Amino acid sequence: MGNIRRKHSKAIRANHKNAEFSAFESDLGALNPIAKKRKLVQNKLKIFSVRSGLDLPLFFITLILLIIGLVMLFSASAPNAYYFKNGDSYYFIKSQLIWAVIGVISMVAVSYVDYRHLRRWAVPILLLSFLLLILVLFMPVRNGVHRWIQLGPLGFQPSEVTKFAIVLSFAHFIALNFQRMGTFKYGVLPYAIILGMTGFLLYLEPHISCLIIVVLLAGGMLYIGGIKLRWFGLVLAAALAAVAYLVLFTDKLTYANGRVQGWLDPFSPNSGVDTWQTRQGLYAIGSGGLFGLGLGQSRQKHLFIPEPYNDFIFSVVCEELGFIRSAIILVLFAMLVWRGIVISMRAKDRFGSLLGTGLIAQIGIQVVLNIFVVTNTMPNTGISLPFFSYGGTSLVMLLTQIGIVLSISRTSKIEKT
């Protein structure tokens, strides 16, 4: 007992000395103009959370998927690049590598930014997404739709901003009104307005794949946000019914009707060109077998699958790597989503938990829907495979969103230490 008391007394004396030294240091700093300036700079940089390391499992899984995706993109795109880009087999991969470097830099930089500061930008980013969705309607038509805004040599799809805006705004409003999510005024009405405006603008493009992703994201976030089940079922049923109506019965989306009919029987002689990509993708998957034909040995990518470096790149992956290695890639995606959800559940506030879950769910939803499309489990709706499909805007946005989840992991670790 005597030893315990002596140790306790020593600890108290040490704490007093530390407190006195801290007070002395504070007084000295108040008299030192350099210390004042340093403190001012530190206050301005509070936006950065650099006290804890990023989540290494999520970081390395992302890099592994990115590297595999770049290798497969080069393999899938080389024939098309050679035939249509003046013999330059490296045309697509050179561009994608540049965007990948920009995306990785953005991911690491954003991981140092305190994600809580995004709340003040939730409404402006949502309004920006509406503005971009309106602006794209005045852009030239490509492949029968308005989806790209062209700025000189660079083009991007506003829908990439829209998906992020939906997640960010829903996370902000749900966290703000969490205790009132059971009411219609705070738990249904604002989200129905946001979702209705977004859906209408996406319908005008038209962009059904993004509309499906947005509806699933919104429904998932409302569910985990605490909306009453009767309201949740009503909103989700209305949204899905609206999407089904737009796809099946409106003249605006007659092109989608052909895809649905082709999906029901892609090998029918009357299916036409709408199912050509699906048929060739299925041939590629079947040709791969268990172990694949070997990296770079795909036959269907040689002008059989239209644009094999885009939505149907996974069919080339299956043909070259086979079922087993393709399944490993899907396991990596599952690990990415699982790790992101774990990080989000450990966030220090409700906003961070909702934001991280929504961002990582977007990746999971796109992977599942892309695999469904490639395997003809659902109609061809043009959904890209994250980190694999060609597209600079999408890649940078995905990596930046991973950076936000890494930022959440930093602050959650600070909370525990």
Protein backbone atom coordinates (compact mmCIF):
# COMPACT_ATOMS: atom_id res chain seq x y z
CA MET A 1 0.00 0.00 0.00
CA GLY A 2 2.86 2.35 0.83
CA ASN A 3 4.43 1.80 -2.58
CA ILE A 4 1.13 2.54 -4.32
CA ARG A 5 0.72 5.82 -2.41
CA ARG A 6 4.32 6.86 -3.22
CA LYS A 7 3.77 6.15 -6.93
CA HIS A 8 0.49 8.05 -6.86
CA SER A 9 2.16 11.05 -5.16
CA LYS A 10 4.96 11.05 -7.74
CA ALA A 11 2.38 11.01 -10.56
CA ILE A 12 0.53 13.97 -9.04
CA ARG A 13 3.77 15.95 -8.62
CA ALA A 14 4.72 15.16 -12.22
CA ASN A 15 1.31 16.35 -13.45
CA HIS A 16 1.68 19.59 -11.49
CA LYS A 17 5.12 20.15 -13.02
CA ASN A 18 3.76 19.51 -16.50
CA ALA A 19 0.88 21.90 -15.89
CA GLU A 20 3.24 24.59 -14.60
CA PHE A 21 5.55 24.09 -17.59
CA SER A 22 2.59 24.28 -20.01
CA ALA A 23 1.40 27.51 -18.38
CA PHE A 24 4.93 28.94 -18.58
CA GLU A 25 5.20 27.89 -22.22
CA SER A 26 1.82 29.49 -22.95
CA ASP A 27 2.89 32.77 -21.32
CA LEU A 28 6.15 32.71 -23.23
CA GLY A 29 4.29 32.09 -26.47
CA ALA A 30 1.99 35.02 -25.79
CA LEU A 31 5.01 37.31 -25.54
CA ASN A 32 6.72 35.86 -28.62
CA PRO A 33 5.44 37.33 -31.93
CA ILE A 34 6.79 34.33 -33.86
CA ALA A 35 4.81 31.99 -31.62
CA LYS A 36 1.73 34.14 -32.19
CA LYS A 37 2.09 33.83 -35.95
CA ARG A 38 2.68 30.10 -35.67
CA LYS A 39 -0.45 29.70 -33.58
CA LEU A 40 -2.45 31.74 -36.11
CA VAL A 41 -1.29 29.51 -38.97
CA GLN A 42 -2.14 26.39 -36.94
CA ASN A 43 -5.66 27.69 -36.33
CA LYS A 44 -6.12 28.33 -40.04
CA LEU A 45 -4.95 24.80 -40.83
CA LYS A 46 -7.34 23.10 -38.44
CA ILE A 47 -9.16 21.89 -41.51
CA PHE A 48 -6.39 19.30 -41.84
CA SER A 49 -6.38 16.22 -39.61
CA VAL A 50 -2.83 14.89 -39.80
CA ARG A 51 -2.46 13.47 -36.31
CA SER A 52 -3.28 9.91 -37.23
CA GLY A 53 -2.41 7.56 -40.07
CA LEU A 54 -4.82 6.58 -42.81
CA ASP A 55 -6.42 3.16 -42.91
CA LEU A 56 -3.82 1.00 -44.67
CA PRO A 57 -6.10 -1.93 -45.61
CA LEU A 58 -8.52 0.36 -47.49
CA PHE A 59 -5.64 2.30 -49.06
CA PHE A 60 -3.80 -0.78 -50.35
CA ILE A 61 -6.93 -2.59 -51.55
CA THR A 62 -7.78 0.53 -53.56
CA LEU A 63 -4.29 0.65 -55.09
CA ILE A 64 -4.38 -3.08 -55.93
CA LEU A 65 -7.73 -2.72 -57.70
CA LEU A 66 -6.47 0.39 -59.50
CA ILE A 67 -3.33 -1.37 -60.75
CA ILE A 68 -5.26 -4.45 -61.91
CA GLY A 69 -7.81 -2.16 -63.55
CA LEU A 70 -5.13 -0.24 -65.47
CA VAL A 71 -3.50 -3.48 -66.69
CA MET A 72 -6.83 -4.85 -67.88
CA LEU A 73 -7.78 -1.53 -69.45
CA PHE A 74 -4.59 -1.57 -71.52
CA SER A 75 -5.25 -5.14 -72.60
CA ALA A 76 -8.90 -4.49 -73.48
CA SER A 77 -8.34 -1.16 -75.24
CA ALA A 78 -5.17 -1.87 -77.27
CA PRO A 79 -6.91 -3.35 -80.37
CA ASN A 80 -9.48 -0.54 -80.60
CA ALA A 81 -6.78 2.06 -80.05
CA TYR A 82 -4.65 0.51 -82.79
CA TYR A 83 -7.48 0.30 -85.33
CA PHE A 84 -9.17 3.64 -84.64
CA LYS A 85 -6.42 5.89 -83.19
CA ASN A 86 -3.85 5.86 -86.01
CA GLY A 87 -2.06 2.75 -84.83
CA ASP A 88 -1.43 4.06 -81.30
CA SER A 89 -2.17 1.04 -79.10
CA TYR A 90 -1.36 3.12 -76.01
CA TYR A 91 -3.93 5.84 -76.74
CA PHE A 92 -6.45 4.97 -74.00
CA ILE A 93 -4.01 3.78 -71.35
CA LYS A 94 -1.88 6.93 -71.61
CA SER A 95 -4.88 9.10 -70.84
CA GLN A 96 -6.10 6.82 -68.06
CA LEU A 97 -2.66 6.74 -66.41
CA ILE A 98 -2.61 10.52 -66.22
CA TRP A 99 -6.05 10.56 -64.60
CA ALA A 100 -5.01 7.75 -62.25
CA VAL A 101 -2.01 9.77 -61.02
CA ILE A 102 -4.24 12.82 -60.53
CA GLY A 103 -6.78 10.65 -58.71
CA VAL A 104 -4.23 9.09 -56.35
CA ILE A 105 -2.80 12.52 -55.51
CA SER A 106 -6.33 13.77 -54.87
CA MET A 107 -7.11 10.71 -52.72
CA VAL A 108 -4.08 11.22 -50.48
CA ALA A 109 -4.57 15.00 -50.26
CA VAL A 110 -8.27 14.72 -49.40
CA SER A 111 -7.49 12.11 -46.74
CA TYR A 112 -5.74 14.89 -44.78
CA VAL A 113 -8.81 17.15 -44.92
CA ASP A 114 -11.27 16.99 -42.04
CA TYR A 115 -14.39 15.56 -43.67
CA ARG A 116 -16.65 17.54 -41.31
CA HIS A 117 -15.89 20.70 -43.28
CA LEU A 118 -17.77 19.16 -46.22
CA ARG A 119 -21.06 19.85 -44.44
CA ARG A 120 -20.91 23.54 -45.26
CA TRP A 121 -20.58 22.59 -48.95
CA ALA A 122 -23.46 20.10 -49.04
CA VAL A 123 -26.11 22.50 -50.36
CA PRO A 124 -23.80 24.39 -52.80
CA ILE A 125 -22.58 21.10 -54.32
CA LEU A 126 -26.18 19.89 -54.65
CA LEU A 127 -27.15 23.12 -56.43
CA LEU A 128 -24.06 22.80 -58.64
CA SER A 129 -25.13 19.29 -59.62
CA PHE A 130 -28.57 20.61 -60.63
CA LEU A 131 -26.93 23.37 -62.68
CA LEU A 132 -24.66 20.88 -64.46
CA LEU A 133 -27.58 18.54 -65.19
CA ILE A 134 -29.43 21.45 -66.79
CA LEU A 135 -26.36 22.64 -68.69
CA VAL A 136 -25.69 19.20 -70.18
CA LEU A 137 -29.11 19.27 -71.87
CA PHE A 138 -27.79 22.05 -74.13
CA MET A 139 -24.69 20.09 -75.10
CA PRO A 140 -24.42 18.26 -78.46
CA VAL A 141 -26.02 14.83 -78.62
CA ARG A 142 -23.65 11.84 -78.47
CA ASN A 143 -25.02 8.35 -79.15
CA GLY A 144 -28.54 9.74 -78.93
CA VAL A 145 -28.21 11.19 -75.40
CA HIS A 146 -27.05 14.34 -73.58
CA ARG A 147 -24.52 13.13 -71.01
CA TRP A 148 -21.23 14.93 -71.61
CA ILE A 149 -20.11 18.51 -71.09
CA GLN A 150 -17.18 19.23 -73.37
CA LEU A 151 -14.60 21.82 -72.32
CA GLY A 152 -12.11 21.92 -75.16
CA PRO A 153 -10.32 18.56 -75.29
CA LEU A 154 -11.74 17.56 -71.90
CA GLY A 155 -15.19 16.15 -71.34
CA PHE A 156 -16.98 14.92 -68.24
CA GLN A 157 -20.33 13.54 -67.17
CA PRO A 158 -22.26 15.68 -64.65
CA SER A 159 -23.80 12.47 -63.35
CA GLU A 160 -20.53 11.74 -61.52
CA VAL A 161 -21.00 14.96 -59.55
CA THR A 162 -24.68 14.11 -59.04
CA LYS A 163 -23.96 10.81 -57.29
CA PHE A 164 -21.56 12.51 -54.89
CA ALA A 165 -23.98 15.40 -54.31
CA ILE A 166 -26.81 13.01 -53.40
CA VAL A 167 -24.67 11.17 -50.84
CA LEU A 168 -23.27 14.38 -49.33
CA SER A 169 -26.60 16.23 -49.13
CA PHE A 170 -28.50 13.24 -47.73
CA ALA A 171 -25.78 12.66 -45.10
CA HIS A 172 -25.97 16.33 -44.10
CA PHE A 173 -29.76 16.57 -43.85
CA ILE A 174 -30.21 13.19 -42.15
CA ALA A 175 -27.56 14.06 -39.54
CA LEU A 176 -29.22 17.47 -39.05
CA ASN A 177 -32.72 16.05 -38.56
CA PHE A 178 -31.90 12.62 -37.19
CA GLN A 179 -34.23 12.92 -34.19
CA ARG A 180 -37.13 13.91 -36.51
CA MET A 181 -36.63 11.33 -39.27
CA GLY A 182 -39.84 9.61 -38.22
CA THR A 183 -41.95 12.56 -39.40
CA PHE A 184 -43.07 13.27 -42.96
CA LYS A 185 -41.81 16.88 -42.91
CA TYR A 186 -38.22 16.03 -41.98
CA GLY A 187 -37.94 12.35 -42.86
CA VAL A 188 -39.55 12.25 -46.31
CA LEU A 189 -40.35 15.61 -47.89
CA PRO A 190 -36.85 17.16 -48.39
CA TYR A 191 -35.41 13.92 -49.77
CA ALA A 192 -38.39 13.35 -52.06
CA ILE A 193 -37.91 16.86 -53.50
CA ILE A 194 -34.17 16.33 -54.06
CA LEU A 195 -34.68 12.89 -55.55
CA GLY A 196 -37.59 14.05 -57.72
CA MET A 197 -35.64 16.98 -59.21
CA THR A 198 -32.57 14.82 -59.80
CA GLY A 199 -34.60 12.02 -61.37
CA PHE A 200 -36.44 14.40 -63.71
CA LEU A 201 -33.19 15.96 -64.97
CA LEU A 202 -31.59 12.53 -65.48
CA TYR A 203 -34.73 11.46 -67.37
CA LEU A 204 -34.29 14.36 -69.78
CA GLU A 205 -30.76 13.28 -70.75
CA PRO A 206 -31.75 10.33 -70.55
CA HIS A 207 -29.40 8.49 -68.15
CA ILE A 208 -31.20 5.46 -66.73
CA SER A 209 -28.13 3.80 -65.21
CA CYS A 210 -27.32 6.84 -63.08
CA LEU A 211 -30.99 7.17 -62.14
CA ILE A 212 -31.02 3.58 -60.85
CA ILE A 213 -27.83 4.16 -58.83
CA VAL A 214 -29.18 7.40 -57.36
CA VAL A 215 -32.47 5.75 -56.32
CA LEU A 216 -30.65 2.85 -54.65
CA LEU A 217 -28.21 5.20 -52.90
CA ALA A 218 -30.98 7.47 -51.67
CA GLY A 219 -33.08 4.55 -50.46
CA GLY A 220 -30.15 2.96 -48.64
CA MET A 221 -29.17 6.19 -46.89
CA LEU A 222 -32.74 6.89 -45.81
CA TYR A 223 -33.02 3.36 -44.44
CA ILE A 224 -29.87 3.57 -42.30
CA GLY A 225 -30.78 7.17 -41.47
CA GLY A 226 -33.80 6.05 -39.47
CA ILE A 227 -36.78 6.71 -41.76
CA LYS A 228 -39.92 4.86 -40.70
CA LEU A 229 -40.38 1.67 -42.65
CA ARG A 230 -43.80 2.65 -44.00
CA TRP A 231 -42.38 5.89 -45.43
CA PHE A 232 -39.31 4.06 -46.70
CA GLY A 233 -41.41 1.46 -48.51
CA LEU A 234 -43.65 4.15 -50.00
CA VAL A 235 -40.77 6.34 -51.26
CA LEU A 236 -38.77 3.41 -52.64
CA ALA A 237 -41.80 1.87 -54.35
CA ALA A 238 -42.70 5.22 -55.94
CA ALA A 239 -39.14 5.77 -57.15
CA LEU A 240 -38.81 2.28 -58.62
CA ALA A 241 -42.25 2.54 -60.23
CA ALA A 242 -41.24 5.85 -61.82
CA VAL A 243 -38.02 4.33 -63.19
CA ALA A 244 -39.91 1.31 -64.55
CA TYR A 245 -42.49 3.56 -66.20
CA LEU A 246 -39.79 5.70 -67.83
CA VAL A 247 -37.99 2.64 -69.16
CA LEU A 248 -40.98 0.69 -70.41
CA PHE A 249 -43.67 3.12 -71.50
CA THR A 250 -42.38 6.57 -72.43
CA ASP A 251 -41.48 7.67 -75.94
CA LYS A 252 -38.49 9.53 -74.52
CA LEU A 253 -36.86 6.22 -73.67
CA THR A 254 -37.87 4.00 -76.57
CA TYR A 255 -34.22 3.05 -76.98
CA ALA A 256 -34.44 1.38 -73.56
CA ASN A 257 -37.43 -0.68 -74.59
CA GLY A 258 -35.33 -2.44 -77.23
CA ARG A 259 -32.70 -3.22 -74.63
CA VAL A 260 -35.28 -4.75 -72.32
CA GLN A 261 -36.67 -6.90 -75.13
CA GLY A 262 -33.14 -7.94 -76.12
CA TRP A 263 -32.35 -8.80 -72.52
CA LEU A 264 -35.22 -11.28 -72.41
CA ASP A 265 -33.79 -13.19 -75.40
CA PRO A 266 -30.37 -11.85 -76.49
CA PHE A 267 -29.78 -14.71 -78.96
CA SER A 268 -33.06 -14.28 -80.80
CA PRO A 269 -32.67 -13.64 -84.57
CA ASN A 270 -35.05 -10.69 -84.17
CA SER A 271 -33.11 -9.05 -81.34
CA GLY A 272 -31.09 -6.86 -83.73
CA VAL A 273 -27.99 -4.84 -82.94
CA ASP A 274 -29.18 -3.94 -79.42
CA THR A 275 -27.95 -7.27 -78.09
CA TRP A 276 -24.71 -7.52 -80.09
CA GLN A 277 -22.59 -6.26 -77.19
CA THR A 278 -24.34 -8.57 -74.73
CA ARG A 279 -23.89 -11.62 -76.95
CA GLN A 280 -20.21 -10.94 -77.56
CA GLY A 281 -19.66 -10.35 -73.85
CA LEU A 282 -21.26 -13.68 -73.00
CA TYR A 283 -19.09 -15.41 -75.61
CA ALA A 284 -16.02 -13.86 -73.96
CA ILE A 285 -17.06 -15.00 -70.48
CA GLY A 286 -17.73 -18.53 -71.72
CA SER A 287 -14.40 -18.68 -73.57
CA GLY A 288 -12.44 -17.89 -70.41
CA GLY A 289 -13.30 -21.07 -68.54
CA LEU A 290 -11.74 -21.56 -65.13
CA PHE A 291 -8.26 -20.16 -65.77
CA GLY A 292 -8.68 -17.95 -68.84
CA LEU A 293 -6.89 -17.69 -72.17
CA GLY A 294 -4.04 -15.68 -70.67
CA LEU A 295 -3.39 -11.97 -70.18
CA GLY A 296 -3.67 -10.14 -73.50
CA GLN A 297 -5.08 -13.21 -75.31
CA SER A 298 -8.75 -12.21 -75.53
CA ARG A 299 -10.28 -12.78 -78.95
CA GLN A 300 -13.57 -10.95 -78.45
CA LYS A 301 -11.85 -7.61 -77.77
CA HIS A 302 -10.70 -7.55 -81.42
CA LEU A 303 -13.66 -5.50 -82.69
CA PHE A 304 -16.28 -8.04 -81.61
CA ILE A 305 -17.24 -6.40 -78.28
CA PRO A 306 -18.02 -2.72 -79.01
CA GLU A 307 -15.81 -0.49 -76.85
CA PRO A 308 -14.55 -3.35 -74.64
CA TYR A 309 -12.66 -0.88 -72.46
CA ASN A 310 -15.88 0.65 -71.12
CA ASP A 311 -18.90 -1.03 -69.55
CA PHE A 312 -18.08 -4.55 -70.79
CA ILE A 313 -14.45 -4.65 -69.68
CA PHE A 314 -15.27 -7.37 -67.13
CA SER A 315 -16.12 -9.77 -69.95
CA VAL A 316 -12.54 -9.34 -71.24
CA VAL A 317 -11.28 -9.87 -67.68
CA CYS A 318 -13.18 -13.18 -67.52
CA GLU A 319 -11.92 -14.26 -70.94
CA GLU A 320 -8.27 -13.56 -70.18
CA LEU A 321 -8.07 -14.37 -66.45
CA GLY A 322 -10.79 -17.00 -66.14
CA PHE A 323 -13.48 -17.57 -63.55
CA ILE A 324 -11.18 -18.13 -60.54
CA ARG A 325 -9.07 -14.98 -60.92
CA SER A 326 -12.12 -12.91 -61.87
CA ALA A 327 -13.78 -14.12 -58.67
CA ILE A 328 -10.70 -12.96 -56.71
CA ILE A 329 -11.17 -9.48 -58.18
CA LEU A 330 -14.78 -9.50 -56.98
CA VAL A 331 -13.56 -10.58 -53.53
CA LEU A 332 -11.22 -7.57 -53.52
CA PHE A 333 -14.19 -5.32 -54.27
CA ALA A 334 -16.13 -6.98 -51.44
CA MET A 335 -13.18 -6.39 -49.08
CA LEU A 336 -13.08 -2.73 -50.16
CA VAL A 337 -16.77 -2.25 -49.38
CA TRP A 338 -16.52 -4.16 -46.11
CA ARG A 339 -13.54 -2.11 -44.94
CA GLY A 340 -15.25 1.13 -45.91
CA ILE A 341 -18.35 0.20 -43.92
CA VAL A 342 -16.25 -0.73 -40.88
CA ILE A 343 -14.51 2.66 -41.03
CA SER A 344 -17.83 4.47 -41.44
CA MET A 345 -19.34 2.70 -38.44
CA ARG A 346 -16.38 3.88 -36.33
CA ALA A 347 -16.77 7.52 -37.37
CA LYS A 348 -16.90 10.00 -34.51
CA ASP A 349 -20.18 11.54 -35.65
CA ARG A 350 -23.36 10.57 -37.48
CA PHE A 351 -22.55 12.69 -40.52
CA GLY A 352 -19.24 10.87 -41.04
CA SER A 353 -20.91 7.50 -40.63
CA LEU A 354 -23.61 8.32 -43.20
CA LEU A 355 -21.19 9.97 -45.62
CA GLY A 356 -18.68 7.11 -45.57
CA THR A 357 -21.39 4.47 -45.90
CA GLY A 358 -22.97 6.27 -48.86
CA LEU A 359 -19.69 6.78 -50.71
CA ILE A 360 -18.56 3.19 -50.30
CA ALA A 361 -22.06 1.90 -51.11
CA GLN A 362 -21.90 3.70 -54.46
CA ILE A 363 -18.87 1.62 -55.42
CA GLY A 364 -20.55 -1.59 -54.29
CA ILE A 365 -23.77 -0.80 -56.17
CA GLN A 366 -21.90 -0.01 -59.39
CA VAL A 367 -19.87 -3.22 -59.19
CA VAL A 368 -22.96 -5.37 -58.63
CA LEU A 369 -24.97 -3.68 -61.39
CA ASN A 370 -22.06 -3.83 -63.85
CA ILE A 371 -21.62 -7.58 -63.27
CA PHE A 372 -25.38 -8.04 -63.65
CA VAL A 373 -25.31 -6.22 -66.99
CA VAL A 374 -22.27 -8.08 -68.35
CA THR A 375 -23.76 -11.46 -67.40
CA ASN A 376 -27.19 -10.41 -68.79
CA THR A 377 -28.79 -10.72 -65.36
CA MET A 378 -30.34 -7.30 -66.02
CA PRO A 379 -30.79 -5.18 -69.18
CA ASN A 380 -27.81 -3.32 -70.59
CA THR A 381 -27.97 0.13 -68.99
CA GLY A 382 -24.41 1.38 -69.43
CA ILE A 383 -22.93 1.11 -65.92
CA SER A 384 -19.15 1.35 -65.64
CA LEU A 385 -16.96 -0.91 -63.50
CA PRO A 386 -15.13 1.18 -60.86
CA PHE A 387 -11.32 1.45 -61.35
CA PHE A 388 -11.52 -0.65 -64.54
CA SER A 389 -13.69 1.11 -67.10
CA TYR A 390 -12.20 3.91 -69.17
CA GLY A 391 -13.10 7.42 -68.00
CA GLY A 392 -10.98 10.07 -66.33
CA THR A 393 -13.75 11.96 -64.51
CA SER A 394 -15.19 8.82 -62.99
CA LEU A 395 -11.77 7.56 -61.88
CA VAL A 396 -10.77 10.83 -60.23
CA MET A 397 -14.14 11.11 -58.47
CA LEU A 398 -13.94 7.53 -57.19
CA LEU A 399 -10.43 7.97 -55.83
CA THR A 400 -11.35 11.32 -54.26
CA GLN A 401 -14.33 9.68 -52.55
CA ILE A 402 -12.03 6.96 -51.22
CA GLY A 403 -9.89 9.83 -49.87
CA ILE A 404 -12.92 11.12 -47.94
CA VAL A 405 -13.43 7.66 -46.40
CA LEU A 406 -9.72 7.64 -45.49
CA SER A 407 -10.23 11.02 -43.84
CA ILE A 408 -13.00 9.49 -41.76
CA SER A 409 -10.61 6.68 -40.80
CA ARG A 410 -8.04 9.24 -39.58
CA THR A 411 -10.45 11.01 -37.29
CA SER A 412 -11.96 7.77 -36.02
CA LYS A 413 -8.47 6.65 -35.02
CA ILE A 414 -7.85 9.98 -33.26
CA GLU A 415 -11.02 9.41 -31.30
CA LYS A 416 -9.82 6.04 -30.04
CA THR A 417 -6.29 7.14 -28.99
